[in-house]
Protein backbone atom coordinates (compact mmCIF):
# COMPACT_ATOMS: atom_id res chain seq x y z
CA MET A 1 71.92 33.01 106.57
CA PRO A 2 71.98 35.95 104.09
CA GLN A 3 75.51 36.50 104.90
CA PHE A 4 76.39 32.91 104.18
CA PHE A 5 74.92 33.07 100.65
CA PHE A 6 76.39 36.25 100.03
CA ASN A 7 79.99 34.83 100.76
CA LYS A 8 79.28 31.65 98.53
CA ARG A 9 78.12 33.93 95.70
CA LEU A 10 81.46 35.80 96.12
CA ILE A 11 83.49 32.69 96.21
CA VAL A 12 81.82 31.21 93.07
CA LEU A 13 82.38 34.50 91.19
CA LEU A 14 86.16 34.69 92.17
CA VAL A 15 86.50 30.89 91.14
CA SER A 16 84.88 31.75 87.77
CA ILE A 17 87.21 34.63 87.10
CA ILE A 18 90.26 32.57 88.16
CA LEU A 19 88.92 29.81 85.51
CA LEU A 20 88.34 32.39 82.77
CA VAL A 21 91.83 33.95 83.14
CA THR A 22 93.28 30.20 83.25
CA LEU A 23 91.53 29.45 80.09
CA ILE A 24 92.52 32.74 78.39
CA GLY A 25 96.17 31.98 79.50
CA ILE A 26 95.92 28.50 78.08
CA SER A 27 94.55 29.61 74.83
CA LEU A 28 97.05 32.37 74.32
CA LYS A 29 99.93 30.01 75.07
CA GLU A 30 101.64 28.17 72.02
CA ARG A 31 100.81 24.54 72.48
CA GLN A 32 101.32 21.60 70.44
CA LYS A 33 98.21 19.97 71.26
CA LEU A 34 94.65 21.08 71.76
CA THR A 35 92.51 20.21 74.65
CA TRP A 36 89.43 17.82 74.01
CA PRO A 37 87.07 20.71 74.39
CA GLU A 38 88.93 22.80 71.65
CA GLN A 39 89.14 19.76 69.56
CA PHE A 40 85.24 19.07 69.85
CA ILE A 41 84.38 22.68 69.32
CA LYS A 42 86.89 22.83 66.25
CA ASP A 43 85.55 19.53 64.86
CA ALA A 44 81.90 20.55 65.42
CA VAL A 45 82.57 23.91 63.58
CA GLY A 46 84.32 22.18 60.78
CA VAL A 47 81.40 19.83 60.16
CA VAL A 48 78.90 22.56 60.17
CA GLU A 49 81.13 24.48 57.59
CA ARG A 50 81.21 21.39 55.31
CA VAL A 51 77.50 20.85 55.41
CA LEU A 52 76.78 24.67 54.81
CA ASN A 53 79.62 25.24 52.33
CA LYS A 54 78.20 23.58 49.27
CA PRO A 55 74.59 24.80 49.51
CA ALA A 56 76.04 28.33 50.12
CA GLN A 57 78.41 27.99 47.01
CA ALA A 58 75.48 26.65 44.98
CA VAL A 59 73.20 29.76 45.97
CA ALA A 60 76.18 32.09 45.48
CA GLY A 61 76.87 30.52 42.02
CA LEU A 62 73.11 30.77 41.11
CA PHE A 63 73.10 34.48 41.77
CA GLN A 64 76.31 34.84 39.67
CA ASP A 65 74.88 32.83 36.84
CA ILE A 66 71.79 35.08 36.92
CA GLU A 67 73.95 38.22 36.94
CA ASP A 68 75.98 36.71 34.08
CA LEU A 69 72.84 35.79 32.23
CA LYS A 70 71.50 39.25 32.61
CA ARG A 71 74.79 40.91 31.56
CA THR A 72 74.91 38.61 28.34
CA TYR A 73 71.38 39.40 27.41
CA GLU A 74 72.08 43.12 27.51
CA GLU A 75 75.20 42.78 25.53
CA ASN A 76 73.43 40.55 22.84
CA LYS A 77 70.52 43.19 22.72
CA VAL A 78 73.38 45.86 22.10
CA LEU A 79 75.16 43.71 19.53
CA LYS A 80 71.80 42.90 17.81
CA ALA A 81 70.98 46.46 17.52
CA LYS A 82 74.62 47.09 16.07
CA LEU A 83 74.07 44.25 13.65
CA ASP A 84 70.71 45.48 12.51
CA LYS A 85 72.34 48.95 11.94
CA TYR A 86 75.26 47.27 10.03
CA ALA A 87 72.78 45.32 7.92
CA GLU A 88 70.77 48.56 7.18
CA LEU A 89 74.00 50.46 6.22
CA SER A 90 75.20 47.53 4.09
CA SER A 91 71.80 47.42 2.29
CA ARG A 92 71.99 51.10 1.70
CA VAL A 93 75.58 51.03 0.56
CA GLY A 94 74.73 48.22 -1.98
CA GLU A 95 71.84 50.44 -3.28
CA LEU A 96 74.12 53.35 -3.67
CA THR A 97 76.69 51.38 -5.38
CA LYS A 98 74.18 49.85 -7.74
CA GLU A 99 72.85 53.46 -8.47
CA ASN A 100 76.27 54.83 -8.95
CA GLU A 101 76.99 52.06 -11.50
CA GLU A 102 73.76 52.79 -13.20
CA PHE A 103 74.45 56.46 -13.22
CA ARG A 104 77.98 55.88 -14.62
CA ALA A 105 76.77 53.67 -17.36
CA ILE A 106 73.99 55.90 -18.30
CA LEU A 107 76.37 58.79 -18.48
CA GLY A 108 78.21 56.73 -20.88
CA LYS A 109 75.25 55.73 -22.93
CA ALA A 110 74.06 59.60 -22.97
CA GLN A 111 77.38 60.60 -24.55
CA SER A 112 76.88 58.05 -27.26
CA LEU A 113 73.47 59.33 -28.41
CA ARG A 114 73.96 61.58 -31.45
CA GLN A 115 71.58 64.15 -32.71
CA PHE A 116 69.55 63.65 -29.49
CA ASP A 117 69.67 65.43 -26.16
CA PRO A 118 69.54 62.84 -23.21
CA LEU A 119 67.50 63.57 -20.29
CA HIS A 120 68.13 61.62 -17.01
CA ALA A 121 64.91 60.52 -15.17
CA THR A 122 63.96 58.27 -12.39
CA VAL A 123 60.91 55.85 -12.45
CA ILE A 124 58.46 56.90 -9.64
CA GLY A 125 55.49 54.67 -10.20
CA ARG A 126 54.40 51.26 -11.71
CA ASN A 127 50.79 49.69 -11.50
CA PRO A 128 51.03 45.98 -10.54
CA ASP A 129 48.02 45.67 -12.88
CA LYS A 130 49.94 47.09 -15.91
CA TRP A 131 53.39 45.65 -14.89
CA TYR A 132 54.45 44.65 -18.49
CA ASP A 133 52.92 47.96 -19.80
CA LEU A 134 53.67 51.17 -18.18
CA VAL A 135 55.93 53.00 -15.81
CA SER A 136 55.96 56.71 -14.59
CA ILE A 137 58.92 58.89 -14.59
CA ASP A 138 59.71 62.13 -12.82
CA LYS A 139 60.20 64.41 -15.93
CA GLY A 140 57.61 65.77 -18.13
CA ALA A 141 56.90 68.78 -20.47
CA GLN A 142 58.57 71.42 -18.40
CA GLN A 143 61.79 69.35 -19.00
CA GLY A 144 61.08 69.01 -22.66
CA VAL A 145 59.68 65.57 -22.66
CA LYS A 146 57.30 64.73 -25.54
CA LYS A 147 55.23 61.98 -26.68
CA ASP A 148 56.94 59.08 -28.52
CA MET A 149 60.40 59.98 -27.33
CA ALA A 150 62.63 56.78 -26.79
CA VAL A 151 63.56 55.74 -23.18
CA ILE A 152 66.43 53.73 -22.47
CA THR A 153 68.57 52.51 -19.63
CA ASP A 154 72.42 51.65 -19.70
CA LYS A 155 71.58 48.26 -21.01
CA GLY A 156 69.42 49.29 -23.85
CA LEU A 157 65.87 50.18 -25.02
CA ILE A 158 62.99 49.90 -22.78
CA GLY A 159 60.12 51.72 -24.52
CA LYS A 160 58.76 55.19 -25.56
CA VAL A 161 56.93 57.84 -23.96
CA LYS A 162 53.12 57.34 -24.39
CA SER A 163 51.67 60.43 -22.49
CA VAL A 164 53.03 63.70 -20.89
CA SER A 165 51.96 66.04 -18.06
CA GLN A 166 53.86 69.15 -16.79
CA PHE A 167 56.28 67.24 -14.37
CA THR A 168 55.95 63.46 -15.15
CA ALA A 169 55.37 61.29 -18.13
CA THR A 170 54.02 57.76 -18.86
CA VAL A 171 56.45 55.33 -20.50
CA GLU A 172 55.12 52.49 -22.61
CA LEU A 173 57.40 49.37 -22.31
CA LEU A 174 58.65 47.28 -25.00
CA SER A 175 56.80 44.34 -23.32
CA SER A 176 53.39 46.27 -23.66
CA LEU A 177 50.68 44.16 -25.66
CA ASN A 178 49.35 47.46 -27.35
CA ARG A 179 48.94 46.43 -31.14
CA THR A 180 50.40 49.97 -32.00
CA ASN A 181 53.61 49.32 -30.01
CA ARG A 182 55.86 48.53 -32.78
CA ILE A 183 59.66 49.15 -33.46
CA SER A 184 61.46 48.98 -36.77
CA ALA A 185 64.50 46.99 -35.88
CA PHE A 186 67.43 44.77 -37.65
CA VAL A 187 69.83 42.12 -36.77
CA GLN A 188 73.33 43.50 -36.24
CA GLU A 189 75.30 41.36 -38.65
CA ASP A 190 77.25 41.68 -41.76
CA THR A 191 74.05 41.37 -43.77
CA THR A 192 71.16 43.73 -42.61
CA ILE A 193 68.03 41.66 -41.77
CA PHE A 194 65.04 44.07 -41.07
CA GLY A 195 61.84 43.18 -39.03
CA LEU A 196 59.36 44.55 -36.50
CA ILE A 197 59.25 44.16 -32.72
CA GLU A 198 55.57 43.90 -31.95
CA GLY A 199 54.25 41.93 -28.99
CA TYR A 200 55.56 40.18 -25.93
CA ASP A 201 55.48 36.58 -25.10
CA LYS A 202 55.11 36.41 -21.25
CA ASN A 203 55.84 32.65 -21.08
CA LYS A 204 59.40 33.15 -22.88
CA GLN A 205 59.84 36.57 -21.28
CA ALA A 206 60.85 37.63 -24.77
CA LEU A 207 59.93 40.35 -27.44
CA ILE A 208 58.31 38.94 -30.62
CA PHE A 209 60.52 40.07 -33.71
CA THR A 210 58.29 39.49 -36.92
CA LYS A 211 58.26 40.07 -40.67
CA ILE A 212 61.71 38.60 -40.91
CA PRO A 213 62.40 37.55 -44.62
CA SER A 214 62.03 33.75 -45.03
CA ASP A 215 65.55 33.24 -46.58
CA ALA A 216 67.28 35.28 -43.78
CA VAL A 217 69.62 33.26 -41.65
CA ILE A 218 68.70 33.98 -37.92
CA LYS A 219 71.08 32.69 -35.33
CA LYS A 220 70.96 32.50 -31.50
CA ASP A 221 72.49 35.22 -29.68
CA GLN A 222 72.57 37.80 -32.62
CA ILE A 223 71.94 41.25 -31.56
CA VAL A 224 68.84 43.22 -32.45
CA VAL A 225 69.03 47.04 -32.53
CA THR A 226 66.84 49.77 -33.59
CA SER A 227 66.95 50.82 -37.26
CA GLY A 228 66.01 54.52 -36.75
CA LEU A 229 63.38 54.37 -39.43
CA GLY A 230 60.21 56.18 -38.48
CA GLY A 231 62.01 58.86 -36.53
CA ILE A 232 60.92 57.67 -33.00
CA PHE A 233 63.80 55.89 -32.00
CA PRO A 234 67.41 56.72 -32.51
CA ASN A 235 69.48 54.33 -34.73
CA GLY A 236 71.44 51.56 -33.22
CA LEU A 237 69.89 51.37 -29.69
CA VAL A 238 70.21 47.76 -28.44
CA ILE A 239 66.98 46.00 -28.09
CA GLY A 240 68.05 42.47 -27.11
CA THR A 241 69.31 39.22 -28.41
CA VAL A 242 67.81 36.53 -30.33
CA ILE A 243 66.97 33.31 -28.32
CA ASP A 244 64.83 31.37 -30.90
CA ALA A 245 63.45 31.57 -34.49
CA LYS A 246 60.84 29.80 -36.46
CA PRO A 247 59.02 30.22 -39.81
CA ASP A 248 55.46 31.42 -39.77
CA GLU A 249 52.50 29.22 -40.61
CA TYR A 250 52.68 30.05 -44.30
CA GLY A 251 56.50 29.84 -44.81
CA LEU A 252 56.57 33.57 -46.15
CA THR A 253 58.52 35.15 -43.34
CA GLN A 254 60.08 34.16 -39.99
CA THR A 255 59.60 34.97 -36.39
CA ALA A 256 62.23 35.32 -33.72
CA TYR A 257 61.98 35.69 -29.89
CA VAL A 258 64.25 38.39 -28.46
CA LYS A 259 65.44 38.64 -25.00
CA PRO A 260 65.41 42.26 -23.82
CA ALA A 261 68.79 43.55 -23.11
CA ALA A 262 67.31 45.74 -20.09
CA ASN A 263 65.66 44.11 -17.39
CA LEU A 264 61.97 45.36 -17.73
CA ASN A 265 61.25 44.02 -14.48
CA ASP A 266 63.76 46.13 -12.71
CA VAL A 267 63.73 49.71 -14.09
CA ASN A 268 64.87 52.67 -12.01
CA ASN A 269 66.94 55.06 -13.76
CA VAL A 270 66.33 55.92 -17.45
CA ILE A 271 67.29 58.18 -20.14
CA VAL A 272 64.65 60.04 -22.32
CA ALA A 273 66.07 60.75 -25.85
CA ARG A 274 64.87 64.22 -26.65
CA ARG A 275 65.10 65.09 -30.34
CA THR A 276 67.34 67.98 -31.11
CA MET A 277 66.62 70.55 -33.89
CA LEU A 278 69.29 68.85 -36.36
CA ALA A 279 67.45 65.57 -35.66
CA ALA A 280 63.97 66.94 -36.51
CA GLN A 281 65.36 68.64 -39.71
CA GLU A 282 66.71 65.14 -40.81
CA GLU A 283 63.32 63.75 -40.23
CA LEU A 284 61.97 66.21 -42.63
CA ARG A 285 64.13 65.41 -45.52
């Protein structure tokens, strides 16, 4: 009995080997038509591939989108940093350009000051509570600054030195409401019209030009300059332009409103007009 089962298993093994070799031979042979088992297996594999292909593509696309989004985020981060740097540089270039223009204009103004030694200075402080009254500059007694010296910008007069320390000074602006803040001035026309700059109208954002003779003809856009009388301010410094005029309540004089030539709200670089020995001698005559 054991010998029979052994022979049977041997026969089955030989038949299997023969079938396997036959199938291999058939599969290697070029044929025009597939057998039905091959067709069944191929169709089944194709169906499974179609079913799994779209989800697989979707998952792969999702990972690709995530990767693209991450890459885009990093690129945007770099571009934003560069844009911020560009904006900072543009702002700095604008500031430097403005300062350069101011220095050029101030240099031209300094060359036009006769009998006065111009000293360049920079505004270093301004109290919001006294915005219309005072500013501080970075030049003082050590640089020859003295009380009552005129202070100008490239556009025109802004005020005078009120007090001096060794290395800084305080400038009283034209817009200060101090009663003693007066400037002898005149209208720059064929006929000289004198008056006084005293006071500031915050609503009109204009200086008050008083003591103008009642018969004087004051027109809009006329230029008002310093007269040089009193020795504090050089002659011919531009103060501003007339924007309005009216007679006083008694009709004896006129009052005009003058828009400052210099922007008193934006003062950065200035010139202190230091009096020279020649100018001091002329004041004593």
